[in-house]
Protein backbone atom coordinates (compact mmCIF):
# COMPACT_ATOMS: atom_id res chain seq x y z
CA GLN A 1 204.00 100.30 97.88
CA ASP A 2 207.24 101.58 99.41
CA PRO A 3 207.48 100.13 102.95
CA ASP A 4 209.53 103.10 104.21
CA ILE A 5 206.87 105.57 103.06
CA GLN A 6 204.10 103.41 104.52
CA LYS A 7 205.90 103.24 107.87
CA SER A 8 206.49 107.01 107.98
CA LEU A 9 202.91 107.92 106.96
CA VAL A 10 200.80 105.38 108.85
CA GLY A 11 203.21 103.75 111.27
CA ARG A 12 203.04 100.27 109.78
CA ILE A 13 203.95 98.24 106.74
CA ILE A 14 200.86 97.40 104.69
CA PHE A 15 200.90 94.00 103.06
CA GLY A 16 199.01 93.71 99.80
CA THR A 17 197.32 91.28 97.47
CA PRO A 18 198.58 91.00 93.88
CA ALA A 19 196.17 92.46 91.34
CA ARG A 20 195.93 93.43 87.67
CA LEU A 21 194.45 96.72 86.46
CA ALA A 22 193.35 96.60 82.83
CA ASN A 23 193.27 99.64 80.55
CA PHE A 24 195.97 101.48 82.49
CA GLU A 25 199.70 101.81 81.94
CA LYS A 26 202.58 102.63 84.25
CA THR A 27 204.63 105.69 83.38
CA THR A 28 206.60 108.35 85.26
CA ILE A 29 206.13 111.95 86.26
CA ASN A 30 208.76 114.60 87.01
CA LEU A 31 208.11 116.53 90.22
CA GLY A 32 210.73 119.06 91.21
CA GLY A 33 213.43 117.29 89.26
CA ARG A 34 212.66 113.86 90.74
CA ILE A 35 211.04 111.03 88.82
CA TYR A 36 208.07 109.19 90.36
CA PRO A 37 205.88 106.36 89.07
CA ILE A 38 202.27 106.99 88.09
CA VAL A 39 199.55 105.13 86.21
CA ARG A 40 197.26 106.54 83.58
CA PRO A 41 194.37 105.20 81.50
CA ALA A 42 195.54 103.42 78.34
CA GLU A 43 193.44 101.14 76.15
CA ASN A 44 194.65 97.57 75.70
CA LYS A 45 197.35 97.90 78.37
CA ALA A 46 197.52 96.60 81.94
CA VAL A 47 199.40 97.23 85.17
CA ASN A 48 200.29 94.54 87.68
CA GLY A 49 200.38 95.82 91.22
CA MET A 50 199.14 95.34 94.76
CA VAL A 51 195.89 96.11 96.53
CA LEU A 52 196.65 97.61 99.93
CA GLU A 53 193.94 97.58 102.60
CA VAL A 54 193.97 100.83 104.56
CA THR A 55 191.65 102.60 106.96
CA SER A 56 189.90 105.83 105.98
CA GLU A 57 192.33 107.75 108.23
CA GLU A 58 195.31 106.11 106.51
CA LEU A 59 193.83 106.87 103.10
CA ALA A 60 193.52 110.54 104.09
CA ARG A 61 197.21 110.52 105.05
CA PHE A 62 198.15 109.06 101.66
CA ASP A 63 195.98 111.71 99.97
CA ARG A 64 197.96 114.44 101.73
CA TYR A 65 201.25 112.77 100.78
CA GLU A 66 200.40 112.43 97.07
CA THR A 67 200.64 115.88 95.53
CA ASN A 68 197.99 117.38 93.26
CA ALA A 69 199.93 115.79 90.38
CA TYR A 70 198.00 112.63 91.30
CA ARG A 71 194.22 112.18 91.28
CA ARG A 72 192.56 109.47 93.35
CA ILE A 73 189.98 107.72 91.17
CA THR A 74 188.01 104.49 91.33
CA ALA A 75 188.88 101.69 88.95
CA LYS A 76 187.83 98.09 88.49
CA LEU A 77 190.42 95.33 88.69
CA ASP A 78 190.38 92.24 86.49
CA SER A 79 188.96 90.41 89.53
CA GLY A 80 185.93 92.72 89.47
CA GLN A 81 186.93 94.47 92.70
CA THR A 82 186.57 98.26 92.71
CA VAL A 83 189.57 100.07 94.21
CA TRP A 84 191.07 103.52 94.63
CA VAL A 85 193.95 104.30 92.27
CA TYR A 86 196.26 107.32 92.21
CA SER A 87 196.36 108.27 88.54
CA GLU A 88 197.61 111.00 86.24
């Protein structure tokens, strides 16, 4: 969701739609001494976030940016929409 990262990776700022992801929680991960946010499955928890609409080329760029510490999985939002999520 960081506009600076979006701009550097895909050349634009991606505006999103608010969304809620049930059965996940937000936590952090330590990569090379730096702390980054990540979500992971967690019963009876939820994460509020944003759905960002990207092209397949942009998604591939984000995949390369996110290290192998993150897995891209599909998940269903409270709205019923299926989305990609970078998870632990």
